[in-house]
C-alpha atoms as a PDB file:
ATOM      1  CA  MET A   1      11.900  -5.421 -14.040  1.00  0.00           C
ATOM      2  CA  ARG A   2      13.506  -8.816 -13.602  1.00  0.00           C
ATOM      3  CA  GLN A   3      14.651 -10.074 -10.224  1.00  0.00           C
ATOM      4  CA  THR A   4      17.360 -12.625  -9.558  1.00  0.00           C
ATOM      5  CA  GLY A   5      19.292 -13.382  -6.445  1.00  0.00           C
ATOM      6  CA  ASP A   6      21.645 -15.364  -4.295  1.00  0.00           C
ATOM      7  CA  GLU A   7      19.315 -16.607  -1.583  1.00  0.00           C
ATOM      8  CA  ALA A   8      22.104 -16.472   0.976  1.00  0.00           C
ATOM      9  CA  ALA A   9      22.443 -12.708   1.053  1.00  0.00           C
ATOM     10  CA  LEU A  10      21.640 -10.629  -2.030  1.00  0.00           C
ATOM     11  CA  LYS A  11      18.926  -9.739  -4.493  1.00  0.00           C
ATOM     12  CA  VAL A  12      19.580  -8.036  -7.809  1.00  0.00           C
ATOM     13  CA  TYR A  13      17.016  -5.866  -9.566  1.00  0.00           C
ATOM     14  CA  HIS A  14      17.903  -5.017 -13.133  1.00  0.00           C
ATOM     15  CA  GLY A  15      16.456  -3.897 -16.427  1.00  0.00           C
ATOM     16  CA  SER A  16      17.025  -1.503 -19.278  1.00  0.00           C
ATOM     17  CA  THR A  17      16.119   1.299 -16.882  1.00  0.00           C
ATOM     18  CA  MET A  18      15.067   1.520 -13.273  1.00  0.00           C
ATOM     19  CA  GLY A  19      12.376   4.006 -14.301  1.00  0.00           C
ATOM     20  CA  ASN A  20       9.917   4.697 -11.489  1.00  0.00           C
ATOM     21  CA  GLU A  21      11.709   2.274  -9.160  1.00  0.00           C
ATOM     22  CA  GLY A  22      14.429   4.791  -8.330  1.00  0.00           C
ATOM     23  CA  ALA A  23      12.376   6.627  -5.711  1.00  0.00           C
ATOM     24  CA  GLY A  24      11.652   3.357  -3.930  1.00  0.00           C
ATOM     25  CA  PHE A  25      15.299   2.412  -3.671  1.00  0.00           C
ATOM     26  CA  ALA A  26      16.176   5.944  -2.486  1.00  0.00           C
ATOM     27  CA  TYR A  27      13.591   5.529   0.269  1.00  0.00           C
ATOM     28  CA  LEU A  28      14.977   2.131   1.281  1.00  0.00           C
ATOM     29  CA  GLU A  29      18.545   3.482   1.245  1.00  0.00           C
ATOM     30  CA  ALA A  30      17.559   6.277   3.622  1.00  0.00           C
ATOM     31  CA  LEU A  31      16.134   3.728   6.071  1.00  0.00           C
ATOM     32  CA  ASN A  32      19.524   2.014   6.284  1.00  0.00           C
ATOM     33  CA  GLY A  33      18.065  -1.338   7.222  1.00  0.00           C
ATOM     34  CA  GLN A  34      15.638  -0.097   9.877  1.00  0.00           C
ATOM     35  CA  GLY A  35      12.547  -2.196   9.195  1.00  0.00           C
ATOM     36  CA  ALA A  36      13.478  -2.643   5.551  1.00  0.00           C
ATOM     37  CA  ALA A  37      15.841  -4.532   3.281  1.00  0.00           C
ATOM     38  CA  ARG A  38      19.258  -2.900   2.999  1.00  0.00           C
ATOM     39  CA  VAL A  39      20.286  -1.404  -0.329  1.00  0.00           C
ATOM     40  CA  TYR A  40      23.967  -2.082  -1.029  1.00  0.00           C
ATOM     41  CA  ALA A  41      24.243  -0.385  -4.408  1.00  0.00           C
ATOM     42  CA  CYS A  42      21.918   1.400  -6.807  1.00  0.00           C
ATOM     43  CA  THR A  43      22.449   2.946 -10.233  1.00  0.00           C
ATOM     44  CA  SER A  44      20.088   4.036 -12.999  1.00  0.00           C
ATOM     45  CA  SER A  45      19.880   0.462 -14.275  1.00  0.00           C
ATOM     46  CA  ILE A  46      20.618  -1.915 -11.399  1.00  0.00           C
ATOM     47  CA  ALA A  47      20.127  -2.272  -7.651  1.00  0.00           C
ATOM     48  CA  LEU A  48      21.683  -4.717  -5.206  1.00  0.00           C
ATOM     49  CA  THR A  49      19.702  -5.336  -2.015  1.00  0.00           C
ATOM     50  CA  GLU A  50      19.574  -7.609   0.981  1.00  0.00           C
ATOM     51  CA  TRP A  51      17.880 -10.934   0.323  1.00  0.00           C
ATOM     52  CA  LEU A  52      14.953 -11.728   2.616  1.00  0.00           C
ATOM     53  CA  ALA A  53      14.475 -15.484   2.628  1.00  0.00           C
ATOM     54  CA  GLY A  54      10.919 -15.405   3.987  1.00  0.00           C
ATOM     55  CA  PRO A  55       8.238 -16.364   4.651  1.00  0.00           C
ATOM     56  CA  SER A  56       6.225 -13.276   3.774  1.00  0.00           C
ATOM     57  CA  LEU A  57       3.385 -11.977   5.896  1.00  0.00           C
ATOM     58  CA  GLY A  58       1.172 -13.027   3.018  1.00  0.00           C
ATOM     59  CA  ASP A  59       2.319 -16.594   3.552  1.00  0.00           C
ATOM     60  CA  LEU A  60       1.320 -16.307   7.206  1.00  0.00           C
ATOM     61  CA  SER A  61      -2.156 -14.975   6.400  1.00  0.00           C
ATOM     62  CA  ARG A  62      -2.801 -17.541   3.710  1.00  0.00           C
ATOM     63  CA  GLY A  63      -1.601 -20.225   6.111  1.00  0.00           C
ATOM     64  CA  GLY A  64      -4.103 -19.363   8.840  1.00  0.00           C
ATOM     65  CA  GLN A  65      -1.953 -16.954  10.895  1.00  0.00           C
ATOM     66  CA  ASP A  66      -3.562 -13.681   9.857  1.00  0.00           C
ATOM     67  CA  ASP A  67      -3.641 -12.308  13.406  1.00  0.00           C
ATOM     68  CA  LEU A  68       0.128 -12.701  13.641  1.00  0.00           C
ATOM     69  CA  ALA A  69       0.572 -11.126  10.205  1.00  0.00           C
ATOM     70  CA  THR A  70      -1.600  -8.174  11.289  1.00  0.00           C
ATOM     71  CA  GLN A  71       0.602  -7.601  14.323  1.00  0.00           C
ATOM     72  CA  GLU A  72       3.871  -7.946  12.400  1.00  0.00           C
ATOM     73  CA  LEU A  73       2.752  -5.596   9.634  1.00  0.00           C
ATOM     74  CA  LEU A  74       2.008  -2.908  12.200  1.00  0.00           C
ATOM     75  CA  GLY A  75       5.416  -3.461  13.773  1.00  0.00           C
ATOM     76  CA  VAL A  76       7.174  -2.984  10.432  1.00  0.00           C
ATOM     77  CA  ALA A  77       5.144   0.139   9.633  1.00  0.00           C
ATOM     78  CA  LEU A  78       6.046   1.653  13.001  1.00  0.00           C
ATOM     79  CA  LYS A  79       9.740   0.931  12.428  1.00  0.00           C
ATOM     80  CA  LEU A  80       9.659   2.588   9.014  1.00  0.00           C
ATOM     81  CA  HIS A  81       7.967   5.720  10.304  1.00  0.00           C
ATOM     82  CA  ARG A  82       9.999   5.953  13.483  1.00  0.00           C
ATOM     83  CA  GLN A  83      13.084   6.826  11.455  1.00  0.00           C
ATOM     84  CA  GLY A  84      11.937  10.180  10.055  1.00  0.00           C
ATOM     85  CA  VAL A  85      14.014   9.573   6.947  1.00  0.00           C
ATOM     86  CA  THR A  86      14.893  12.107   4.249  1.00  0.00           C
ATOM     87  CA  PRO A  87      15.656  10.314   0.965  1.00  0.00           C
ATOM     88  CA  GLN A  88      18.378  11.833  -1.197  1.00  0.00           C
ATOM     89  CA  THR A  89      16.008  12.403  -4.110  1.00  0.00           C
ATOM     90  CA  ASP A  90      12.656  14.022  -4.753  1.00  0.00           C
ATOM     91  CA  LEU A  91       9.812  11.586  -4.248  1.00  0.00           C
ATOM     92  CA  PRO A  92       6.576  11.652  -6.247  1.00  0.00           C
ATOM     93  CA  THR A  93       3.504  12.903  -4.404  1.00  0.00           C
ATOM     94  CA  LEU A  94       0.221  11.195  -3.637  1.00  0.00           C
ATOM     95  CA  GLU A  95      -1.472  13.870  -5.750  1.00  0.00           C
ATOM     96  CA  ARG A  96       0.514  12.646  -8.744  1.00  0.00           C
ATOM     97  CA  TRP A  97      -0.330   9.015  -7.983  1.00  0.00           C
ATOM     98  CA  PHE A  98      -4.053   9.688  -7.748  1.00  0.00           C
ATOM     99  CA  ARG A  99      -4.304  11.267 -11.184  1.00  0.00           C
ATOM    100  CA  GLY A 100      -5.311   7.837 -12.452  1.00  0.00           C
ATOM    101  CA  LEU A 101      -8.473   7.936 -10.317  1.00  0.00           C
ATOM    102  CA  LEU A 102      -9.185  11.655 -10.547  1.00  0.00           C
ATOM    103  CA  THR A 103      -9.113  11.559 -14.358  1.00  0.00           C
ATOM    104  CA  LEU A 104     -10.762   8.150 -14.779  1.00  0.00           C
ATOM    105  CA  GLN A 105     -13.370   8.039 -17.547  1.00  0.00           C
ATOM    106  CA  ILE A 106     -15.802   5.412 -16.286  1.00  0.00           C
ATOM    107  CA  PRO A 107     -17.060   3.284 -19.210  1.00  0.00           C
ATOM    108  CA  ARG A 108     -20.781   3.305 -19.948  1.00  0.00           C
ATOM    109  CA  GLY A 109     -21.077  -0.387 -19.184  1.00  0.00           C
ATOM    110  CA  CYS A 110     -19.976  -0.011 -15.569  1.00  0.00           C
ATOM    111  CA  PRO A 111     -22.715  -1.230 -13.170  1.00  0.00           C
ATOM    112  CA  PRO A 112     -24.577   1.715 -11.557  1.00  0.00           C
ATOM    113  CA  ALA A 113     -23.615   0.836  -7.962  1.00  0.00           C
ATOM    114  CA  ALA A 114     -19.936   0.508  -8.885  1.00  0.00           C
ATOM    115  CA  ARG A 115     -20.058   3.761 -10.840  1.00  0.00           C
ATOM    116  CA  GLN A 116     -21.524   5.528  -7.816  1.00  0.00           C
ATOM    117  CA  ASN A 117     -18.796   4.119  -5.562  1.00  0.00           C
ATOM    118  CA  LEU A 118     -16.020   5.132  -7.962  1.00  0.00           C
ATOM    119  CA  GLU A 119     -17.417   8.647  -8.310  1.00  0.00           C
ATOM    120  CA  HIS A 120     -17.753   8.811  -4.517  1.00  0.00           C
ATOM    121  CA  CYS A 121     -14.125   7.762  -4.105  1.00  0.00           C
ATOM    122  CA  ARG A 122     -12.974  10.283  -6.673  1.00  0.00           C
ATOM    123  CA  ALA A 123     -14.615  13.078  -4.690  1.00  0.00           C
ATOM    124  CA  LEU A 124     -13.352  11.635  -1.399  1.00  0.00           C
ATOM    125  CA  ALA A 125      -9.787  11.379  -2.716  1.00  0.00           C
ATOM    126  CA  SER A 126      -9.925  15.025  -3.796  1.00  0.00           C
ATOM    127  CA  ARG A 127     -10.959  16.051  -0.283  1.00  0.00           C
ATOM    128  CA  LEU A 128      -8.289  13.953   1.418  1.00  0.00           C
ATOM    129  CA  LEU A 129      -5.561  15.247  -0.884  1.00  0.00           C
ATOM    130  CA  ALA A 130      -6.678  18.848  -0.394  1.00  0.00           C
ATOM    131  CA  ASP A 131      -6.338  18.577   3.389  1.00  0.00           C
ATOM    132  CA  PRO A 132      -3.378  16.253   4.068  1.00  0.00           C
ATOM    133  CA  GLN A 133      -2.455  15.312   7.622  1.00  0.00           C
ATOM    134  CA  ASP A 134       1.006  14.319   8.865  1.00  0.00           C
ATOM    135  CA  VAL A 135       2.738  14.325   5.476  1.00  0.00           C
ATOM    136  CA  CYS A 136       5.963  12.310   5.323  1.00  0.00           C
ATOM    137  CA  PRO A 137       7.968   9.923   3.108  1.00  0.00           C
ATOM    138  CA  LEU A 138       6.110   6.638   2.616  1.00  0.00           C
ATOM    139  CA  HIS A 139       7.003   3.141   1.507  1.00  0.00           C
ATOM    140  CA  GLY A 140       3.986   3.525  -0.747  1.00  0.00           C
ATOM    141  CA  ASP A 141       3.120  -0.145  -1.294  1.00  0.00           C
ATOM    142  CA  LEU A 142       3.240  -1.649   2.178  1.00  0.00           C
ATOM    143  CA  HIS A 143       1.304  -4.899   2.200  1.00  0.00           C
ATOM    144  CA  HIS A 144       1.672  -8.491   3.297  1.00  0.00           C
ATOM    145  CA  ASP A 145       3.666  -9.799   0.344  1.00  0.00           C
ATOM    146  CA  ASN A 146       6.101  -6.874   0.438  1.00  0.00           C
ATOM    147  CA  ILE A 147       7.238  -7.831   3.945  1.00  0.00           C
ATOM    148  CA  ARG A 148       9.388 -10.920   4.426  1.00  0.00           C
ATOM    149  CA  LEU A 149      11.339 -12.498   7.241  1.00  0.00           C
ATOM    150  CA  GLY A 150      15.089 -12.030   7.144  1.00  0.00           C
ATOM    151  CA  ASP A 151      18.025 -12.268   9.512  1.00  0.00           C
ATOM    152  CA  ARG A 152      16.888  -9.072  11.281  1.00  0.00           C
ATOM    153  CA  GLY A 153      13.233  -9.983  11.571  1.00  0.00           C
ATOM    154  CA  TYR A 154      10.408  -8.960   9.271  1.00  0.00           C
ATOM    155  CA  CYS A 155      11.470  -6.275   6.813  1.00  0.00           C
ATOM    156  CA  ALA A 156       9.771  -4.383   3.998  1.00  0.00           C
ATOM    157  CA  PHE A 157      11.024  -4.322   0.425  1.00  0.00           C
ATOM    158  CA  ASP A 158       9.783  -3.291  -3.041  1.00  0.00           C
ATOM    159  CA  ALA A 159       9.044   0.261  -1.911  1.00  0.00           C
ATOM    160  CA  LYS A 160       7.598   2.835  -4.304  1.00  0.00           C
ATOM    161  CA  GLY A 161       8.856   5.857  -2.365  1.00  0.00           C
ATOM    162  CA  ILE A 162       6.270   8.655  -2.270  1.00  0.00           C
ATOM    163  CA  ILE A 163       5.421  11.742  -0.220  1.00  0.00           C
ATOM    164  CA  GLY A 164       1.976  11.823   1.300  1.00  0.00           C
ATOM    165  CA  GLU A 165      -0.275  11.469   4.303  1.00  0.00           C
ATOM    166  CA  ARG A 166       0.835   8.962   6.909  1.00  0.00           C
ATOM    167  CA  ALA A 167      -2.539   7.170   6.960  1.00  0.00           C
ATOM    168  CA  TYR A 168      -2.078   6.140   3.323  1.00  0.00           C
ATOM    169  CA  GLU A 169       0.784   3.849   4.301  1.00  0.00           C
ATOM    170  CA  LEU A 170      -1.559   1.144   5.576  1.00  0.00           C
ATOM    171  CA  ALA A 171      -4.265   1.574   2.930  1.00  0.00           C
ATOM    172  CA  ASN A 172      -3.138  -1.100   0.484  1.00  0.00           C
ATOM    173  CA  ALA A 173      -2.842  -3.742   3.199  1.00  0.00           C
ATOM    174  CA  PHE A 174      -6.653  -3.891   3.370  1.00  0.00           C
ATOM    175  CA  ARG A 175      -6.605  -5.352  -0.168  1.00  0.00           C
ATOM    176  CA  ASN A 176      -4.086  -8.030   0.714  1.00  0.00           C
ATOM    177  CA  PRO A 177      -2.747 -10.634   0.694  1.00  0.00           C
ATOM    178  CA  LYS A 178      -3.499 -11.869  -2.803  1.00  0.00           C
ATOM    179  CA  GLY A 179      -4.817 -15.401  -2.917  1.00  0.00           C
ATOM    180  CA  ALA A 180      -7.019 -14.880   0.147  1.00  0.00           C
ATOM    181  CA  ALA A 181     -10.160 -13.351  -1.360  1.00  0.00           C
ATOM    182  CA  ALA A 182     -12.574 -14.620   1.313  1.00  0.00           C
ATOM    183  CA  LEU A 183     -10.344 -13.346   4.119  1.00  0.00           C
ATOM    184  CA  ILE A 184      -9.965  -9.896   2.562  1.00  0.00           C
ATOM    185  CA  ARG A 185     -13.726  -9.585   2.123  1.00  0.00           C
ATOM    186  CA  ASN A 186     -14.586 -10.615   5.672  1.00  0.00           C
ATOM    187  CA  PRO A 187     -16.140  -7.502   7.310  1.00  0.00           C
ATOM    188  CA  ASP A 188     -14.967  -8.586  10.756  1.00  0.00           C
ATOM    189  CA  ARG A 189     -11.408  -8.836   9.478  1.00  0.00           C
ATOM    190  CA  VAL A 190     -11.580  -5.366   7.889  1.00  0.00           C
ATOM    191  CA  ARG A 191     -12.815  -3.890  11.174  1.00  0.00           C
ATOM    192  CA  ALA A 192     -10.154  -5.792  13.114  1.00  0.00           C
ATOM    193  CA  LEU A 193      -7.402  -4.336  10.924  1.00  0.00           C
ATOM    194  CA  ARG A 194      -8.850  -0.857  11.359  1.00  0.00           C
ATOM    195  CA  ASP A 195      -9.057  -1.201  15.129  1.00  0.00           C
ATOM    196  CA  HIS A 196      -5.669  -2.868  15.541  1.00  0.00           C
ATOM    197  CA  TRP A 197      -3.747  -0.412  13.394  1.00  0.00           C
ATOM    198  CA  SER A 198      -5.305   3.025  13.786  1.00  0.00           C
ATOM    199  CA  ALA A 199      -4.429   4.004  17.367  1.00  0.00           C
ATOM    200  CA  PRO A 200      -0.854   2.574  17.521  1.00  0.00           C
ATOM    201  CA  PHE A 201      -0.089   4.129  14.129  1.00  0.00           C
ATOM    202  CA  ASN A 202      -1.562   7.425  15.343  1.00  0.00           C
ATOM    203  CA  VAL A 203      -4.144   7.810  12.593  1.00  0.00           C
ATOM    204  CA  ALA A 204      -7.911   8.263  12.936  1.00  0.00           C
ATOM    205  CA  SER A 205      -9.774   5.030  12.250  1.00  0.00           C
ATOM    206  CA  ARG A 206     -12.322   6.637   9.932  1.00  0.00           C
ATOM    207  CA  ARG A 207      -9.627   8.401   7.914  1.00  0.00           C
ATOM    208  CA  LEU A 208      -7.667   5.164   7.646  1.00  0.00           C
ATOM    209  CA  MET A 209     -10.740   3.481   6.169  1.00  0.00           C
ATOM    210  CA  GLN A 210     -11.283   6.374   3.781  1.00  0.00           C
ATOM    211  CA  TRP A 211      -7.740   5.961   2.461  1.00  0.00           C
ATOM    212  CA  ALA A 212      -8.279   2.201   2.190  1.00  0.00           C
ATOM    213  CA  ALA A 213     -11.368   2.791   0.059  1.00  0.00           C
ATOM    214  CA  VAL A 214      -9.796   5.354  -2.262  1.00  0.00           C
ATOM    215  CA  LYS A 215      -6.700   3.164  -2.669  1.00  0.00           C
ATOM    216  CA  CYS A 216      -8.950   0.307  -3.765  1.00  0.00           C
ATOM    217  CA  ALA A 217     -10.621   2.663  -6.251  1.00  0.00           C
ATOM    218  CA  LEU A 218      -7.210   3.832  -7.479  1.00  0.00           C
ATOM    219  CA  SER A 219      -6.138   0.241  -8.125  1.00  0.00           C
ATOM    220  CA  ILE A 220      -9.322  -0.327 -10.116  1.00  0.00           C
ATOM    221  CA  ALA A 221      -8.576   2.822 -12.124  1.00  0.00           C
ATOM    222  CA  TRP A 222      -4.993   1.741 -12.825  1.00  0.00           C
ATOM    223  CA  ASN A 223      -6.286  -1.537 -14.277  1.00  0.00           C
ATOM    224  CA  SER A 224      -8.970   0.098 -16.424  1.00  0.00           C
ATOM    225  CA  ASP A 225      -9.011   1.248 -20.032  1.00  0.00           C
ATOM    226  CA  PRO A 226     -11.489   3.482 -21.899  1.00  0.00           C
ATOM    227  CA  SER A 227     -13.670   0.531 -22.874  1.00  0.00           C
ATOM    228  CA  LYS A 228     -13.464  -1.781 -19.876  1.00  0.00           C
ATOM    229  CA  ILE A 229     -13.149  -1.575 -16.108  1.00  0.00           C
ATOM    230  CA  PRO A 230     -12.239  -4.666 -14.040  1.00  0.00           C
ATOM    231  CA  GLU A 231     -15.028  -5.852 -11.771  1.00  0.00           C
ATOM    232  CA  ASP A 232     -13.154  -8.191  -9.418  1.00  0.00           C
ATOM    233  CA  GLU A 233     -12.822  -5.577  -6.644  1.00  0.00           C
ATOM    234  CA  PHE A 234     -16.202  -3.858  -6.934  1.00  0.00           C
ATOM    235  CA  ASP A 235     -17.484  -5.823  -3.936  1.00  0.00           C
ATOM    236  CA  LEU A 236     -14.379  -5.024  -1.887  1.00  0.00           C
ATOM    237  CA  LEU A 237     -14.668  -1.333  -2.697  1.00  0.00           C
ATOM    238  CA  ASP A 238     -18.288  -1.349  -1.552  1.00  0.00           C
ATOM    239  CA  LEU A 239     -17.304  -3.083   1.698  1.00  0.00           C
ATOM    240  CA  LEU A 240     -14.502  -0.622   2.461  1.00  0.00           C
ATOM    241  CA  LEU A 241     -16.752   2.365   1.807  1.00  0.00           C
ATOM    242  CA  THR A 242     -19.517   0.890   3.952  1.00  0.00           C
ATOM    243  CA  ILE A 243     -17.179   0.376   6.917  1.00  0.00           C
ATOM    244  CA  ALA A 244     -15.675   3.843   6.412  1.00  0.00           C
ATOM    245  CA  LYS A 245     -19.154   5.291   6.963  1.00  0.00           C
ATOM    246  CA  GLU A 246     -19.905   3.359  10.159  1.00  0.00           C
ATOM    247  CA  GLY A 247     -20.599   5.359  13.277  1.00  0.00           C
ATOM    248  CA  GLU A 248     -20.892   8.666  11.441  1.00  0.00           C
ATOM    249  CA  ALA A 249     -23.960  10.882  11.454  1.00  0.00           C
ATOM    250  CA  ILE A 250     -23.024  12.474   8.122  1.00  0.00           C
ATOM    251  CA  PRO A 251     -21.989  10.799   4.874  1.00  0.00           C
ATOM    252  CA  ILE A 252     -18.351  10.746   3.814  1.00  0.00           C
END
């Protein structure tokens, strides 16, 4: 999908087909500008949205203002979920999204510790999906570089539009922003995100960390093929699982 735009007001998304993007634009349309970029027009092949000039929350984090980015991301998430929107189209489910992890064939060459973590996450994802809590429409890809400053404050864009458990909404933010690998892998930062977000967003801290871990595993699965599995997030996955287990008498 190519993106062009008039930086004063509009952004155009276009391509031969909108494909899987349609659900995301339907979700943004239903929000009607509340915490998200406005959608002015959308067809099967083109969408016209509000231009958000920036900076992104990723820019803030990479520039040394991660605490501010953490606070602003929570504020945007709360705005999105305060609306109780009903998009005018069927949204894909988290169960459908997680097929990539649940059916992953882990290559023989995968390091034993990483294999164990991926198998653990596959079982954990199955349990979470079998017992969903507070199911609602989700942005589906809410992270630092999908939130930018506009005329109405920080707003989300580039939604995927899915139906699933509320706690999943913040899961991908633990892997972000890109270009800040040391920050993302700082255990104190991971715990700070967990503690800052869980209570105001009304999700259990342990469950939030479980979703963060399985989302990391899902991203690894999406980038894998039958012969090779990317290793760049193995350490992050191990960290997220370790923190998800903290303070519990029984294993997850």
